[in-house]
C-alpha atoms as a PDB file:
ATOM      1  CA  MET A   1     -36.477 -24.048  76.125  1.00  0.00           C
ATOM      2  CA  GLY A   2     -34.749 -20.988  77.326  1.00  0.00           C
ATOM      3  CA  TYR A   3     -34.994 -17.883  74.953  1.00  0.00           C
ATOM      4  CA  GLU A   4     -31.248 -18.338  74.741  1.00  0.00           C
ATOM      5  CA  LYS A   5     -30.953 -21.548  72.521  1.00  0.00           C
ATOM      6  CA  LEU A   6     -33.112 -20.862  70.531  1.00  0.00           C
ATOM      7  CA  THR A   7     -32.041 -21.675  66.800  1.00  0.00           C
ATOM      8  CA  SER A   8     -32.843 -19.363  63.626  1.00  0.00           C
ATOM      9  CA  GLU A   9     -35.373 -21.492  62.441  1.00  0.00           C
ATOM     10  CA  GLU A  10     -37.137 -21.436  65.646  1.00  0.00           C
ATOM     11  CA  LYS A  11     -36.877 -17.771  66.425  1.00  0.00           C
ATOM     12  CA  GLU A  12     -38.210 -17.169  62.510  1.00  0.00           C
ATOM     13  CA  LEU A  13     -41.183 -20.129  63.474  1.00  0.00           C
ATOM     14  CA  TYR A  14     -42.137 -17.981  66.330  1.00  0.00           C
ATOM     15  CA  LEU A  15     -42.535 -14.688  64.961  1.00  0.00           C
ATOM     16  CA  THR A  16     -44.301 -15.858  62.101  1.00  0.00           C
ATOM     17  CA  LYS A  17     -46.514 -17.256  64.653  1.00  0.00           C
ATOM     18  CA  ILE A  18     -46.544 -14.072  66.481  1.00  0.00           C
ATOM     19  CA  GLU A  19     -47.068 -11.690  63.486  1.00  0.00           C
ATOM     20  CA  SER A  20     -49.955 -14.050  61.661  1.00  0.00           C
ATOM     21  CA  THR A  21     -52.029 -14.787  65.257  1.00  0.00           C
ATOM     22  CA  LEU A  22     -51.615 -10.798  66.092  1.00  0.00           C
ATOM     23  CA  ILE A  23     -52.854 -10.099  62.377  1.00  0.00           C
ATOM     24  CA  SER A  24     -55.977 -12.652  61.854  1.00  0.00           C
ATOM     25  CA  LYS A  25     -57.175 -12.436  64.917  1.00  0.00           C
ATOM     26  CA  LYS A  26     -56.801  -8.348  65.258  1.00  0.00           C
ATOM     27  CA  LEU A  27     -55.198  -9.063  68.266  1.00  0.00           C
ATOM     28  CA  PHE A  28     -53.716  -5.009  68.264  1.00  0.00           C
ATOM     29  CA  LEU A  29     -57.183  -3.883  68.179  1.00  0.00           C
ATOM     30  CA  LYS A  30     -57.431  -4.366  71.709  1.00  0.00           C
ATOM     31  CA  ASN A  31     -56.507  -1.149  73.777  1.00  0.00           C
ATOM     32  CA  ASN A  32     -55.641  -3.256  76.302  1.00  0.00           C
ATOM     33  CA  VAL A  33     -53.480  -6.466  74.575  1.00  0.00           C
ATOM     34  CA  SER A  34     -50.859  -7.595  76.920  1.00  0.00           C
ATOM     35  CA  LEU A  35     -47.833  -9.895  76.609  1.00  0.00           C
ATOM     36  CA  PRO A  36     -50.028 -12.891  78.436  1.00  0.00           C
ATOM     37  CA  ASP A  37     -52.797 -12.247  76.075  1.00  0.00           C
ATOM     38  CA  ILE A  38     -50.137 -13.075  73.045  1.00  0.00           C
ATOM     39  CA  ALA A  39     -49.041 -16.119  74.610  1.00  0.00           C
ATOM     40  CA  GLU A  40     -52.128 -17.277  75.240  1.00  0.00           C
ATOM     41  CA  GLU A  41     -53.283 -17.408  72.389  1.00  0.00           C
ATOM     42  CA  THR A  42     -50.096 -18.084  70.571  1.00  0.00           C
ATOM     43  CA  GLY A  43     -48.860 -20.672  72.834  1.00  0.00           C
ATOM     44  CA  ILE A  44     -45.860 -19.355  72.839  1.00  0.00           C
ATOM     45  CA  GLN A  45     -44.316 -19.037  76.025  1.00  0.00           C
ATOM     46  CA  LEU A  46     -44.213 -15.170  77.438  1.00  0.00           C
ATOM     47  CA  HIS A  47     -40.625 -14.512  77.855  1.00  0.00           C
ATOM     48  CA  ILE A  48     -39.985 -15.979  74.642  1.00  0.00           C
ATOM     49  CA  ILE A  49     -42.245 -13.856  73.245  1.00  0.00           C
ATOM     50  CA  SER A  50     -40.781 -10.817  75.004  1.00  0.00           C
ATOM     51  CA  TYR A  51     -36.951 -11.604  74.241  1.00  0.00           C
ATOM     52  CA  LEU A  52     -38.012 -12.504  70.207  1.00  0.00           C
ATOM     53  CA  VAL A  53     -39.697  -8.380  70.097  1.00  0.00           C
ATOM     54  CA  ASN A  54     -36.924  -6.856  71.986  1.00  0.00           C
ATOM     55  CA  LYS A  55     -34.196  -8.719  71.069  1.00  0.00           C
ATOM     56  CA  GLU A  56     -35.034  -9.969  67.102  1.00  0.00           C
ATOM     57  CA  LEU A  57     -37.051  -7.323  65.986  1.00  0.00           C
ATOM     58  CA  ASN A  58     -35.274  -4.684  68.398  1.00  0.00           C
ATOM     59  CA  LEU A  59     -38.705  -3.071  69.424  1.00  0.00           C
ATOM     60  CA  HIS A  60     -40.554  -3.041  72.606  1.00  0.00           C
ATOM     61  CA  PHE A  61     -43.753  -4.755  73.144  1.00  0.00           C
ATOM     62  CA  LYS A  62     -45.754  -1.714  73.410  1.00  0.00           C
ATOM     63  CA  ASP A  63     -44.042   0.083  70.071  1.00  0.00           C
ATOM     64  CA  TYR A  64     -44.565  -3.398  68.524  1.00  0.00           C
ATOM     65  CA  ILE A  65     -48.578  -3.156  68.628  1.00  0.00           C
ATOM     66  CA  ASN A  66     -48.333   0.484  68.497  1.00  0.00           C
ATOM     67  CA  LEU A  67     -46.933  -0.427  65.008  1.00  0.00           C
ATOM     68  CA  LYS A  68     -49.642  -2.501  63.878  1.00  0.00           C
ATOM     69  CA  ARG A  69     -52.285  -0.332  64.965  1.00  0.00           C
ATOM     70  CA  ILE A  70     -50.681   2.386  62.754  1.00  0.00           C
ATOM     71  CA  GLU A  71     -50.403   0.220  59.621  1.00  0.00           C
ATOM     72  CA  TYR A  72     -54.477  -0.759  60.182  1.00  0.00           C
ATOM     73  CA  PHE A  73     -55.058   3.440  60.389  1.00  0.00           C
ATOM     74  CA  LYS A  74     -53.319   3.670  57.280  1.00  0.00           C
ATOM     75  CA  GLU A  75     -54.918   0.630  55.801  1.00  0.00           C
ATOM     76  CA  LYS A  76     -58.255   1.790  56.976  1.00  0.00           C
ATOM     77  CA  ILE A  77     -58.247   5.987  56.106  1.00  0.00           C
ATOM     78  CA  ASN A  78     -59.764   5.361  52.587  1.00  0.00           C
ATOM     79  CA  ASP A  79     -62.089   2.705  53.431  1.00  0.00           C
ATOM     80  CA  PRO A  80     -66.010   3.424  52.655  1.00  0.00           C
ATOM     81  CA  GLU A  81     -66.756   2.465  56.705  1.00  0.00           C
ATOM     82  CA  MET A  82     -63.935   4.770  58.216  1.00  0.00           C
ATOM     83  CA  LYS A  83     -64.283   7.665  55.260  1.00  0.00           C
ATOM     84  CA  GLY A  84     -67.804   8.896  57.527  1.00  0.00           C
ATOM     85  CA  LEU A  85     -66.137   8.842  61.304  1.00  0.00           C
ATOM     86  CA  THR A  86     -63.937  11.248  63.169  1.00  0.00           C
ATOM     87  CA  VAL A  87     -60.491  11.184  63.295  1.00  0.00           C
ATOM     88  CA  ASP A  88     -60.642  10.553  67.271  1.00  0.00           C
ATOM     89  CA  LYS A  89     -63.326   7.522  66.435  1.00  0.00           C
ATOM     90  CA  MET A  90     -60.735   6.557  63.962  1.00  0.00           C
ATOM     91  CA  ILE A  91     -57.752   6.330  66.889  1.00  0.00           C
ATOM     92  CA  LEU A  92     -60.234   4.166  68.454  1.00  0.00           C
ATOM     93  CA  SER A  93     -61.188   1.509  66.052  1.00  0.00           C
ATOM     94  CA  ALA A  94     -57.192   1.447  65.882  1.00  0.00           C
ATOM     95  CA  GLY A  95     -56.935  -0.032  69.240  1.00  0.00           C
ATOM     96  CA  PHE A  96     -55.148   3.262  70.666  1.00  0.00           C
ATOM     97  CA  ARG A  97     -56.908   4.029  73.898  1.00  0.00           C
ATOM     98  CA  SER A  98     -56.542   7.761  73.950  1.00  0.00           C
ATOM     99  CA  ARG A  99     -56.115  10.736  71.529  1.00  0.00           C
ATOM    100  CA  VAL A 100     -52.815  11.937  73.338  1.00  0.00           C
ATOM    101  CA  THR A 101     -51.469   8.300  73.116  1.00  0.00           C
ATOM    102  CA  CYS A 102     -51.813   7.971  69.360  1.00  0.00           C
ATOM    103  CA  TYR A 103     -50.521  11.302  68.794  1.00  0.00           C
ATOM    104  CA  ARG A 104     -47.550  10.687  70.713  1.00  0.00           C
ATOM    105  CA  VAL A 105     -46.987   7.195  68.954  1.00  0.00           C
ATOM    106  CA  PHE A 106     -47.790   8.382  65.322  1.00  0.00           C
ATOM    107  CA  MET A 107     -44.954  11.509  65.980  1.00  0.00           C
ATOM    108  CA  LYS A 108     -42.416   9.052  67.261  1.00  0.00           C
ATOM    109  CA  HIS A 109     -43.150   6.516  64.146  1.00  0.00           C
ATOM    110  CA  VAL A 110     -44.848   8.437  61.210  1.00  0.00           C
ATOM    111  CA  GLY A 111     -43.283  11.560  61.743  1.00  0.00           C
ATOM    112  CA  VAL A 112     -46.945  13.129  61.720  1.00  0.00           C
ATOM    113  CA  THR A 113     -50.133  13.715  63.393  1.00  0.00           C
ATOM    114  CA  PRO A 114     -53.257  11.315  62.703  1.00  0.00           C
ATOM    115  CA  VAL A 115     -54.863  14.527  61.402  1.00  0.00           C
ATOM    116  CA  ALA A 116     -52.127  15.111  59.424  1.00  0.00           C
ATOM    117  CA  LEU A 117     -51.696  11.259  57.938  1.00  0.00           C
ATOM    118  CA  VAL A 118     -55.763  11.087  56.984  1.00  0.00           C
ATOM    119  CA  LYS A 119     -55.530  14.797  54.829  1.00  0.00           C
ATOM    120  CA  ILE A 120     -51.952  13.646  53.591  1.00  0.00           C
ATOM    121  CA  MET A 121     -53.526  10.199  52.703  1.00  0.00           C
ATOM    122  CA  ARG A 122     -56.696  11.178  51.058  1.00  0.00           C
ATOM    123  CA  ASP A 123     -55.016  13.840  49.224  1.00  0.00           C
ATOM    124  CA  ASN A 124     -52.798  10.655  48.171  1.00  0.00           C
ATOM    125  CA  ILE A 125     -49.233  12.345  49.255  1.00  0.00           C
ATOM    126  CA  VAL A 126     -47.176   9.333  49.929  1.00  0.00           C
ATOM    127  CA  VAL A 127     -46.029   9.150  53.820  1.00  0.00           C
ATOM    128  CA  LYS A 128     -43.216   6.648  55.084  1.00  0.00           C
END
């Protein structure tokens, strides 16, 4: 079945499966995670995943994965295991390949750098 013939229910089912697999297996923490990795883990055809992320979520695959990494980073900022880490080590533990990539992604999606976000969140200031 092609993606153009998917019903609303099928789209929702696939999106839920993609999301739950990404979260439960923490695939976004792999700094080289790819569409084929997600397809293999979910059993959903690669072109369907690509279509759903692009058209239904209105995101590029890398942005989708990076948003999951940002969520993880935010959740872990005050985690006791993370408190002792440098921001650079926190970045790597969230699945980002490099500091430069992470900073660019944070500025695009959060509006502040990871260092600024850590300071803001540890001082209990609310950010988007």
